[in-house]
Amino acid sequence: MTEEVEQLLKNLKLGRMLGVYDSQLRATEKGDVTYSDFIAGLLRAQWHERQENALEWRIARAKLPERWSLETFRLLAVWCG
């Protein structure tokens, strides 16, 4: 990755793209991935991170007394049922 690309990704706060850039680029250079797929992979990674962050923000904002997950819910259902 060039210093310019790295700095731009940092300035734009695209941390997830920064994290996957090199591996995506290597796959593209090998010919395993098209350049269009390369861009799509970078964008998809960033989108997934934003979705995860949005979910975490909503959970924190809900101020639930405990953090529940599907696994803990299943354990509760087995224990109670």
C-alpha atoms as a PDB file:
ATOM      1  CA  MET A   1       0.000   0.000   0.000  1.00  0.00           C
ATOM      2  CA  THR A   2       1.308   3.428  -0.799  1.00  0.00           C
ATOM      3  CA  GLU A   3       1.689   5.995   1.952  1.00  0.00           C
ATOM      4  CA  GLU A   4      -0.831   8.211   0.190  1.00  0.00           C
ATOM      5  CA  VAL A   5      -3.519   5.500   0.116  1.00  0.00           C
ATOM      6  CA  GLU A   6      -2.832   4.626   3.738  1.00  0.00           C
ATOM      7  CA  GLN A   7      -3.080   8.252   4.824  1.00  0.00           C
ATOM      8  CA  LEU A   8      -6.284   8.815   2.848  1.00  0.00           C
ATOM      9  CA  LEU A   9      -7.935   5.764   4.396  1.00  0.00           C
ATOM     10  CA  LYS A  10      -6.926   6.989   7.852  1.00  0.00           C
ATOM     11  CA  ASN A  11      -8.118  10.545   7.184  1.00  0.00           C
ATOM     12  CA  LEU A  12     -11.450   9.274   5.898  1.00  0.00           C
ATOM     13  CA  LYS A  13     -11.758   7.003   8.950  1.00  0.00           C
ATOM     14  CA  LEU A  14     -12.010   3.877   6.826  1.00  0.00           C
ATOM     15  CA  GLY A  15     -10.180   1.653   9.269  1.00  0.00           C
ATOM     16  CA  ARG A  16     -11.659  -1.625   8.135  1.00  0.00           C
ATOM     17  CA  MET A  17     -10.704  -0.923   4.525  1.00  0.00           C
ATOM     18  CA  LEU A  18      -7.199  -0.166   5.754  1.00  0.00           C
ATOM     19  CA  GLY A  19      -7.128  -3.506   7.550  1.00  0.00           C
ATOM     20  CA  VAL A  20      -8.134  -5.638   4.554  1.00  0.00           C
ATOM     21  CA  TYR A  21      -6.494  -3.617   1.783  1.00  0.00           C
ATOM     22  CA  ASP A  22      -3.244  -5.584   1.511  1.00  0.00           C
ATOM     23  CA  SER A  23      -4.849  -9.038   1.490  1.00  0.00           C
ATOM     24  CA  GLN A  24      -7.461  -7.918  -1.048  1.00  0.00           C
ATOM     25  CA  LEU A  25      -4.760  -6.361  -3.218  1.00  0.00           C
ATOM     26  CA  ARG A  26      -2.607  -9.528  -3.151  1.00  0.00           C
ATOM     27  CA  ALA A  27      -5.566 -11.636  -4.272  1.00  0.00           C
ATOM     28  CA  THR A  28      -6.272  -9.183  -7.075  1.00  0.00           C
ATOM     29  CA  GLU A  29      -2.655  -9.160  -8.228  1.00  0.00           C
ATOM     30  CA  LYS A  30      -2.618 -12.973  -8.355  1.00  0.00           C
ATOM     31  CA  GLY A  31      -5.569 -12.777 -10.708  1.00  0.00           C
ATOM     32  CA  ASP A  32      -7.923 -14.510  -8.278  1.00  0.00           C
ATOM     33  CA  VAL A  33     -10.100 -11.400  -8.011  1.00  0.00           C
ATOM     34  CA  THR A  34     -11.079  -8.723 -10.518  1.00  0.00           C
ATOM     35  CA  TYR A  35     -10.438  -5.081  -9.722  1.00  0.00           C
ATOM     36  CA  SER A  36     -14.177  -4.576  -9.460  1.00  0.00           C
ATOM     37  CA  ASP A  37     -14.319  -7.378  -6.885  1.00  0.00           C
ATOM     38  CA  PHE A  38     -11.340  -5.782  -5.126  1.00  0.00           C
ATOM     39  CA  ILE A  39     -13.259  -2.528  -4.671  1.00  0.00           C
ATOM     40  CA  ALA A  40     -16.409  -4.411  -3.692  1.00  0.00           C
ATOM     41  CA  GLY A  41     -14.451  -6.355  -1.055  1.00  0.00           C
ATOM     42  CA  LEU A  42     -13.081  -3.168   0.471  1.00  0.00           C
ATOM     43  CA  LEU A  43     -16.506  -1.536   0.540  1.00  0.00           C
ATOM     44  CA  ARG A  44     -18.175  -4.681   1.914  1.00  0.00           C
ATOM     45  CA  ALA A  45     -15.658  -4.903   4.769  1.00  0.00           C
ATOM     46  CA  GLN A  46     -16.252  -1.264   5.705  1.00  0.00           C
ATOM     47  CA  TRP A  47     -20.026  -1.682   5.477  1.00  0.00           C
ATOM     48  CA  HIS A  48     -19.953  -4.734   7.769  1.00  0.00           C
ATOM     49  CA  GLU A  49     -17.917  -2.823  10.331  1.00  0.00           C
ATOM     50  CA  ARG A  50     -20.377   0.067  10.283  1.00  0.00           C
ATOM     51  CA  GLN A  51     -23.278  -2.345  10.724  1.00  0.00           C
ATOM     52  CA  GLU A  52     -21.549  -3.974  13.705  1.00  0.00           C
ATOM     53  CA  ASN A  53     -20.783  -0.579  15.244  1.00  0.00           C
ATOM     54  CA  ALA A  54     -24.380   0.556  14.738  1.00  0.00           C
ATOM     55  CA  LEU A  55     -25.658  -2.582  16.470  1.00  0.00           C
ATOM     56  CA  GLU A  56     -23.272  -2.100  19.385  1.00  0.00           C
ATOM     57  CA  TRP A  57     -24.369   1.542  19.685  1.00  0.00           C
ATOM     58  CA  ARG A  58     -28.046   0.540  19.764  1.00  0.00           C
ATOM     59  CA  ILE A  59     -27.415  -2.117  22.391  1.00  0.00           C
ATOM     60  CA  ALA A  60     -25.481   0.349  24.548  1.00  0.00           C
ATOM     61  CA  ARG A  61     -28.190   2.970  24.091  1.00  0.00           C
ATOM     62  CA  ALA A  62     -30.883   0.502  25.189  1.00  0.00           C
ATOM     63  CA  LYS A  63     -29.194   0.327  28.615  1.00  0.00           C
ATOM     64  CA  LEU A  64     -30.234  -3.264  29.146  1.00  0.00           C
ATOM     65  CA  PRO A  65     -29.336  -4.706  32.542  1.00  0.00           C
ATOM     66  CA  GLU A  66     -27.482  -7.615  30.915  1.00  0.00           C
ATOM     67  CA  ARG A  67     -26.003  -8.376  27.526  1.00  0.00           C
ATOM     68  CA  TRP A  68     -28.055 -11.191  26.010  1.00  0.00           C
ATOM     69  CA  SER A  69     -27.173 -13.214  22.947  1.00  0.00           C
ATOM     70  CA  LEU A  70     -28.840 -16.075  21.125  1.00  0.00           C
ATOM     71  CA  GLU A  71     -26.542 -18.493  22.948  1.00  0.00           C
ATOM     72  CA  THR A  72     -27.546 -17.256  26.408  1.00  0.00           C
ATOM     73  CA  PHE A  73     -31.204 -17.229  25.385  1.00  0.00           C
ATOM     74  CA  ARG A  74     -30.976 -20.858  24.252  1.00  0.00           C
ATOM     75  CA  LEU A  75     -29.292 -21.845  27.510  1.00  0.00           C
ATOM     76  CA  LEU A  76     -32.075 -20.133  29.459  1.00  0.00           C
ATOM     77  CA  ALA A  77     -34.743 -21.897  27.372  1.00  0.00           C
ATOM     78  CA  VAL A  78     -33.119 -25.295  28.007  1.00  0.00           C
ATOM     79  CA  TRP A  79     -32.724 -24.547  31.728  1.00  0.00           C
ATOM     80  CA  CYS A  80     -36.320 -23.359  32.139  1.00  0.00           C
ATOM     81  CA  GLY A  81     -37.979 -25.750  29.790  1.00  0.00           C
END
